[in-house]
């Protein structure tokens, strides 16, 4: 997976490649899907959601530019795979999920793997998790119509945020960087994610 899907398509960040090689992706999909867990495509999980294809997970992770000491917020725990990858690359991951079924199953896998630097809660992720901010990096794993303002507020100075922005059919990955001069947004790859549901996303 790492060589054929990631390195060959331009993923060069060594910590990202190392984390993707270490985290057992098959534990984050349902039993019936385990034989396909490392394929170059997204897979369905519970509650009508998906686990992103490995390349997209790696791309978004690489865009965050993590060095190992950061505090990261993830919006949309889903299967838990993205949070697991991030947990190998930073000091602590705070992840927010709105579907209890997904949160419960991902927590079980975190415990099995002893990924104890992941803290998860059930809530509207578009509101962030202000009590634990500011965050050095924020990643949103669902597509919304705009960048939620509470997440911008909770991003630390010199922080980076990766989010898919667009309509409910197609989005583009945007990299937001925040510094003393303000906010800069870079527009990257076209992608397709499940809807970002919440006060600052799509309505349920």
C-alpha atoms as a PDB file:
ATOM      1  CA  UNK A   1       0.000   0.000   0.000  1.00  0.00           C
ATOM      2  CA  UNK A   2       2.672   2.498   1.036  1.00  0.00           C
ATOM      3  CA  UNK A   3       4.899   1.981  -1.995  1.00  0.00           C
ATOM      4  CA  UNK A   4       2.267   1.449  -4.676  1.00  0.00           C
ATOM      5  CA  UNK A   5      -0.383   3.957  -3.583  1.00  0.00           C
ATOM      6  CA  UNK A   6       1.483   6.613  -1.618  1.00  0.00           C
ATOM      7  CA  UNK A   7       5.122   6.925  -2.649  1.00  0.00           C
ATOM      8  CA  UNK A   8       4.294   6.440  -6.326  1.00  0.00           C
ATOM      9  CA  UNK A   9       1.769   9.309  -6.160  1.00  0.00           C
ATOM     10  CA  UNK A  10       3.986  11.875  -4.498  1.00  0.00           C
ATOM     11  CA  UNK A  11       3.636  11.307  -0.767  1.00  0.00           C
ATOM     12  CA  UNK A  12       7.133  12.107   0.476  1.00  0.00           C
ATOM     13  CA  UNK A  13       6.701  13.023   4.159  1.00  0.00           C
ATOM     14  CA  UNK A  14       8.641  10.372   6.097  1.00  0.00           C
ATOM     15  CA  UNK A  15       6.527  10.498   9.304  1.00  0.00           C
ATOM     16  CA  UNK A  16       3.337  10.113   7.244  1.00  0.00           C
ATOM     17  CA  UNK A  17       4.713   7.110   5.387  1.00  0.00           C
ATOM     18  CA  UNK A  18       5.954   5.560   8.631  1.00  0.00           C
ATOM     19  CA  UNK A  19       2.600   6.015  10.376  1.00  0.00           C
ATOM     20  CA  UNK A  20       0.699   4.606   7.406  1.00  0.00           C
ATOM     21  CA  UNK A  21       2.958   1.552   7.446  1.00  0.00           C
ATOM     22  CA  UNK A  22       2.469   1.011  11.191  1.00  0.00           C
ATOM     23  CA  UNK A  23      -1.271   1.481  11.686  1.00  0.00           C
ATOM     24  CA  UNK A  24      -3.244  -1.726  10.910  1.00  0.00           C
ATOM     25  CA  UNK A  25      -5.920  -0.371   8.575  1.00  0.00           C
ATOM     26  CA  UNK A  26      -7.846  -3.664   8.517  1.00  0.00           C
ATOM     27  CA  UNK A  27      -8.831  -3.212  12.173  1.00  0.00           C
ATOM     28  CA  UNK A  28     -10.806  -0.090  11.263  1.00  0.00           C
ATOM     29  CA  UNK A  29     -13.158  -1.737   8.767  1.00  0.00           C
ATOM     30  CA  UNK A  30     -15.892  -4.303   9.259  1.00  0.00           C
ATOM     31  CA  UNK A  31     -14.941  -7.985   9.161  1.00  0.00           C
ATOM     32  CA  UNK A  32     -16.503  -8.494   5.727  1.00  0.00           C
ATOM     33  CA  UNK A  33     -14.283  -5.732   4.295  1.00  0.00           C
ATOM     34  CA  UNK A  34     -10.946  -6.756   5.797  1.00  0.00           C
ATOM     35  CA  UNK A  35      -9.662  -8.450   2.651  1.00  0.00           C
ATOM     36  CA  UNK A  36     -10.113  -5.120   0.844  1.00  0.00           C
ATOM     37  CA  UNK A  37      -8.820  -2.869   3.608  1.00  0.00           C
ATOM     38  CA  UNK A  38      -5.575  -1.912   1.859  1.00  0.00           C
ATOM     39  CA  UNK A  39      -7.068  -1.306  -1.580  1.00  0.00           C
ATOM     40  CA  UNK A  40      -6.802   2.011  -3.406  1.00  0.00           C
ATOM     41  CA  UNK A  41     -10.374   3.111  -2.711  1.00  0.00           C
ATOM     42  CA  UNK A  42     -12.664   4.233   0.103  1.00  0.00           C
ATOM     43  CA  UNK A  43     -14.784   1.619   1.854  1.00  0.00           C
ATOM     44  CA  UNK A  44     -18.195   1.813   3.512  1.00  0.00           C
ATOM     45  CA  UNK A  45     -18.391   1.675   7.296  1.00  0.00           C
ATOM     46  CA  UNK A  46     -21.356   1.871   9.662  1.00  0.00           C
ATOM     47  CA  UNK A  47     -24.022   4.584   9.620  1.00  0.00           C
ATOM     48  CA  UNK A  48     -23.656   5.359   5.920  1.00  0.00           C
ATOM     49  CA  UNK A  49     -20.134   6.745   6.331  1.00  0.00           C
ATOM     50  CA  UNK A  50     -16.822   5.791   4.704  1.00  0.00           C
ATOM     51  CA  UNK A  51     -13.162   5.234   5.476  1.00  0.00           C
ATOM     52  CA  UNK A  52     -11.152   7.326   3.016  1.00  0.00           C
ATOM     53  CA  UNK A  53      -8.800   5.688   0.554  1.00  0.00           C
ATOM     54  CA  UNK A  54      -5.227   5.445   1.838  1.00  0.00           C
ATOM     55  CA  UNK A  55      -3.887   8.076  -0.570  1.00  0.00           C
ATOM     56  CA  UNK A  56      -6.343  10.732   0.635  1.00  0.00           C
ATOM     57  CA  UNK A  57      -5.539   9.970   4.287  1.00  0.00           C
ATOM     58  CA  UNK A  58      -1.835  10.307   3.513  1.00  0.00           C
ATOM     59  CA  UNK A  59      -2.275  13.469   1.442  1.00  0.00           C
ATOM     60  CA  UNK A  60      -4.282  15.296   4.104  1.00  0.00           C
ATOM     61  CA  UNK A  61      -1.877  14.156   6.802  1.00  0.00           C
ATOM     62  CA  UNK A  62       1.148  15.319   4.814  1.00  0.00           C
ATOM     63  CA  UNK A  63      -0.480  18.719   4.259  1.00  0.00           C
ATOM     64  CA  UNK A  64      -0.563  19.285   8.040  1.00  0.00           C
ATOM     65  CA  UNK A  65       3.244  19.227   8.188  1.00  0.00           C
ATOM     66  CA  UNK A  66       3.446  17.630  11.636  1.00  0.00           C
ATOM     67  CA  UNK A  67       6.770  17.463  13.494  1.00  0.00           C
ATOM     68  CA  UNK A  68       5.759  15.269  16.445  1.00  0.00           C
ATOM     69  CA  UNK A  69       4.967  17.736  19.225  1.00  0.00           C
ATOM     70  CA  UNK A  70       1.618  19.103  18.074  1.00  0.00           C
ATOM     71  CA  UNK A  71      -1.853  19.038  19.534  1.00  0.00           C
ATOM     72  CA  UNK A  72      -4.261  18.136  16.723  1.00  0.00           C
ATOM     73  CA  UNK A  73      -8.040  18.406  16.417  1.00  0.00           C
ATOM     74  CA  UNK A  74      -9.879  16.055  14.089  1.00  0.00           C
ATOM     75  CA  UNK A  75     -13.485  16.702  13.084  1.00  0.00           C
ATOM     76  CA  UNK A  76     -15.199  13.463  12.096  1.00  0.00           C
ATOM     77  CA  UNK A  77     -13.732  10.420  13.842  1.00  0.00           C
ATOM     78  CA  UNK A  78     -15.542   7.976  11.562  1.00  0.00           C
ATOM     79  CA  UNK A  79     -13.740   4.632  11.558  1.00  0.00           C
ATOM     80  CA  UNK A  80     -10.940   6.105  13.676  1.00  0.00           C
ATOM     81  CA  UNK A  81      -8.246   5.377  11.091  1.00  0.00           C
ATOM     82  CA  UNK A  82      -7.252   8.979  10.402  1.00  0.00           C
ATOM     83  CA  UNK A  83      -6.993   9.723  14.133  1.00  0.00           C
ATOM     84  CA  UNK A  84      -4.868   6.595  14.573  1.00  0.00           C
ATOM     85  CA  UNK A  85      -2.449   7.708  11.862  1.00  0.00           C
ATOM     86  CA  UNK A  86      -2.220  11.185  13.376  1.00  0.00           C
ATOM     87  CA  UNK A  87      -1.616   9.749  16.848  1.00  0.00           C
ATOM     88  CA  UNK A  88       1.663   8.217  15.643  1.00  0.00           C
ATOM     89  CA  UNK A  89       2.841  11.655  14.493  1.00  0.00           C
ATOM     90  CA  UNK A  90       1.897  14.149  17.199  1.00  0.00           C
ATOM     91  CA  UNK A  91       1.619  14.562  20.957  1.00  0.00           C
ATOM     92  CA  UNK A  92      -2.154  14.334  21.252  1.00  0.00           C
ATOM     93  CA  UNK A  93      -5.222  13.986  19.036  1.00  0.00           C
ATOM     94  CA  UNK A  94      -8.629  15.331  20.012  1.00  0.00           C
ATOM     95  CA  UNK A  95     -11.321  13.881  17.775  1.00  0.00           C
ATOM     96  CA  UNK A  96     -15.036  14.706  17.605  1.00  0.00           C
ATOM     97  CA  UNK A  97     -17.736  12.469  16.133  1.00  0.00           C
ATOM     98  CA  UNK A  98     -21.497  13.053  15.928  1.00  0.00           C
ATOM     99  CA  UNK A  99     -22.559   9.378  15.514  1.00  0.00           C
ATOM    100  CA  UNK A 100     -22.337   7.393  18.734  1.00  0.00           C
ATOM    101  CA  UNK A 101     -22.069   4.024  16.957  1.00  0.00           C
ATOM    102  CA  UNK A 102     -18.930   5.132  15.144  1.00  0.00           C
ATOM    103  CA  UNK A 103     -17.408   6.717  18.224  1.00  0.00           C
ATOM    104  CA  UNK A 104     -17.912   3.564  20.282  1.00  0.00           C
ATOM    105  CA  UNK A 105     -16.363   1.278  17.685  1.00  0.00           C
ATOM    106  CA  UNK A 106     -13.372   3.531  17.058  1.00  0.00           C
ATOM    107  CA  UNK A 107     -12.681   3.828  20.793  1.00  0.00           C
ATOM    108  CA  UNK A 108     -12.540   0.047  21.049  1.00  0.00           C
ATOM    109  CA  UNK A 109      -9.884  -0.122  18.349  1.00  0.00           C
ATOM    110  CA  UNK A 110      -7.875   2.702  19.966  1.00  0.00           C
ATOM    111  CA  UNK A 111      -7.878   0.703  23.197  1.00  0.00           C
ATOM    112  CA  UNK A 112      -6.871  -2.530  21.458  1.00  0.00           C
ATOM    113  CA  UNK A 113      -3.924  -0.746  19.848  1.00  0.00           C
ATOM    114  CA  UNK A 114      -3.123   1.183  23.035  1.00  0.00           C
ATOM    115  CA  UNK A 115      -3.270   4.493  21.252  1.00  0.00           C
ATOM    116  CA  UNK A 116      -3.786   6.357  24.495  1.00  0.00           C
ATOM    117  CA  UNK A 117      -2.970   9.829  23.157  1.00  0.00           C
ATOM    118  CA  UNK A 118      -6.324   9.958  21.312  1.00  0.00           C
ATOM    119  CA  UNK A 119      -9.161  11.670  23.190  1.00  0.00           C
ATOM    120  CA  UNK A 120     -12.589  11.353  21.596  1.00  0.00           C
ATOM    121  CA  UNK A 121     -16.030  12.747  22.300  1.00  0.00           C
ATOM    122  CA  UNK A 122     -19.553  12.820  20.871  1.00  0.00           C
ATOM    123  CA  UNK A 123     -20.545  16.296  19.688  1.00  0.00           C
ATOM    124  CA  UNK A 124     -21.045  18.653  16.742  1.00  0.00           C
ATOM    125  CA  UNK A 125     -17.551  18.774  15.298  1.00  0.00           C
ATOM    126  CA  UNK A 126     -18.168  21.996  13.402  1.00  0.00           C
ATOM    127  CA  UNK A 127     -18.081  23.705  16.809  1.00  0.00           C
ATOM    128  CA  UNK A 128     -14.630  22.266  17.479  1.00  0.00           C
ATOM    129  CA  UNK A 129     -13.505  21.486  21.013  1.00  0.00           C
ATOM    130  CA  UNK A 130     -12.702  24.909  22.477  1.00  0.00           C
ATOM    131  CA  UNK A 131     -11.779  23.743  25.980  1.00  0.00           C
ATOM    132  CA  UNK A 132      -8.626  22.082  24.675  1.00  0.00           C
ATOM    133  CA  UNK A 133      -7.612  24.654  22.095  1.00  0.00           C
ATOM    134  CA  UNK A 134      -5.820  26.293  20.520  1.00  0.00           C
ATOM    135  CA  UNK A 135      -4.666  23.510  18.198  1.00  0.00           C
ATOM    136  CA  UNK A 136      -1.487  23.393  16.181  1.00  0.00           C
ATOM    137  CA  UNK A 137      -3.324  21.553  13.416  1.00  0.00           C
ATOM    138  CA  UNK A 138      -6.952  20.815  12.539  1.00  0.00           C
ATOM    139  CA  UNK A 139      -8.190  18.241  10.055  1.00  0.00           C
ATOM    140  CA  UNK A 140     -11.795  17.900   8.870  1.00  0.00           C
ATOM    141  CA  UNK A 141     -12.693  14.551   7.327  1.00  0.00           C
ATOM    142  CA  UNK A 142     -16.039  15.533   5.788  1.00  0.00           C
ATOM    143  CA  UNK A 143     -16.983  18.032   3.102  1.00  0.00           C
ATOM    144  CA  UNK A 144     -18.658  21.301   4.053  1.00  0.00           C
ATOM    145  CA  UNK A 145     -19.941  24.392   2.230  1.00  0.00           C
ATOM    146  CA  UNK A 146     -17.417  26.650   3.959  1.00  0.00           C
ATOM    147  CA  UNK A 147     -14.706  26.667   6.602  1.00  0.00           C
ATOM    148  CA  UNK A 148     -16.402  26.693  10.052  1.00  0.00           C
ATOM    149  CA  UNK A 149     -15.472  29.909  11.839  1.00  0.00           C
ATOM    150  CA  UNK A 150     -15.151  28.263  15.302  1.00  0.00           C
ATOM    151  CA  UNK A 151     -12.413  26.037  13.899  1.00  0.00           C
ATOM    152  CA  UNK A 152     -10.501  29.034  12.560  1.00  0.00           C
ATOM    153  CA  UNK A 153     -10.790  30.636  16.007  1.00  0.00           C
ATOM    154  CA  UNK A 154      -9.415  27.495  17.676  1.00  0.00           C
ATOM    155  CA  UNK A 155      -6.413  27.238  15.362  1.00  0.00           C
ATOM    156  CA  UNK A 156      -3.179  28.433  16.943  1.00  0.00           C
ATOM    157  CA  UNK A 157      -0.979  31.086  15.388  1.00  0.00           C
ATOM    158  CA  UNK A 158       1.208  29.367  12.789  1.00  0.00           C
ATOM    159  CA  UNK A 159      -1.347  26.537  12.753  1.00  0.00           C
ATOM    160  CA  UNK A 160      -2.532  24.617   9.688  1.00  0.00           C
ATOM    161  CA  UNK A 161      -5.987  23.345   8.825  1.00  0.00           C
ATOM    162  CA  UNK A 162      -6.959  20.911   6.068  1.00  0.00           C
ATOM    163  CA  UNK A 163     -10.613  20.749   5.001  1.00  0.00           C
ATOM    164  CA  UNK A 164     -12.639  19.680   1.948  1.00  0.00           C
ATOM    165  CA  UNK A 165     -14.829  22.625   0.860  1.00  0.00           C
ATOM    166  CA  UNK A 166     -17.478  22.640  -1.848  1.00  0.00           C
ATOM    167  CA  UNK A 167     -20.934  21.328  -2.608  1.00  0.00           C
ATOM    168  CA  UNK A 168     -22.390  17.939  -1.712  1.00  0.00           C
ATOM    169  CA  UNK A 169     -21.118  16.348  -4.912  1.00  0.00           C
ATOM    170  CA  UNK A 170     -17.491  17.477  -5.116  1.00  0.00           C
ATOM    171  CA  UNK A 171     -15.092  19.468  -2.961  1.00  0.00           C
ATOM    172  CA  UNK A 172     -11.539  20.729  -3.114  1.00  0.00           C
ATOM    173  CA  UNK A 173      -8.988  20.241  -0.385  1.00  0.00           C
ATOM    174  CA  UNK A 174      -8.072  23.570   1.142  1.00  0.00           C
ATOM    175  CA  UNK A 175      -5.033  24.249   3.301  1.00  0.00           C
ATOM    176  CA  UNK A 176      -5.551  27.155   5.662  1.00  0.00           C
ATOM    177  CA  UNK A 177      -2.564  28.636   7.450  1.00  0.00           C
ATOM    178  CA  UNK A 178      -2.895  31.205  10.203  1.00  0.00           C
ATOM    179  CA  UNK A 179      -0.237  33.669  11.306  1.00  0.00           C
ATOM    180  CA  UNK A 180       0.163  37.194  12.617  1.00  0.00           C
ATOM    181  CA  UNK A 181      -0.561  38.588   9.153  1.00  0.00           C
ATOM    182  CA  UNK A 182      -3.914  36.803   8.920  1.00  0.00           C
ATOM    183  CA  UNK A 183      -5.165  33.753   7.082  1.00  0.00           C
ATOM    184  CA  UNK A 184      -3.915  32.229   3.857  1.00  0.00           C
ATOM    185  CA  UNK A 185      -5.855  29.582   1.906  1.00  0.00           C
ATOM    186  CA  UNK A 186      -4.326  27.289  -0.707  1.00  0.00           C
ATOM    187  CA  UNK A 187      -6.628  25.248  -2.941  1.00  0.00           C
ATOM    188  CA  UNK A 188      -5.477  21.732  -3.762  1.00  0.00           C
ATOM    189  CA  UNK A 189      -6.944  18.462  -5.096  1.00  0.00           C
ATOM    190  CA  UNK A 190     -10.553  17.757  -6.029  1.00  0.00           C
ATOM    191  CA  UNK A 191     -12.076  15.198  -3.653  1.00  0.00           C
ATOM    192  CA  UNK A 192     -15.405  13.720  -2.627  1.00  0.00           C
ATOM    193  CA  UNK A 193     -16.274  13.264   1.044  1.00  0.00           C
ATOM    194  CA  UNK A 194     -19.386  12.518   3.049  1.00  0.00           C
ATOM    195  CA  UNK A 195     -21.273  15.598   4.244  1.00  0.00           C
ATOM    196  CA  UNK A 196     -20.009  17.674   7.150  1.00  0.00           C
ATOM    197  CA  UNK A 197     -23.130  17.844   9.319  1.00  0.00           C
ATOM    198  CA  UNK A 198     -23.522  20.477  12.032  1.00  0.00           C
ATOM    199  CA  UNK A 199     -24.232  24.083  12.852  1.00  0.00           C
ATOM    200  CA  UNK A 200     -21.445  25.280  10.560  1.00  0.00           C
ATOM    201  CA  UNK A 201     -21.891  22.579   7.936  1.00  0.00           C
ATOM    202  CA  UNK A 202     -24.812  20.958   6.141  1.00  0.00           C
ATOM    203  CA  UNK A 203     -28.099  20.375   7.965  1.00  0.00           C
ATOM    204  CA  UNK A 204     -28.926  16.792   8.858  1.00  0.00           C
END
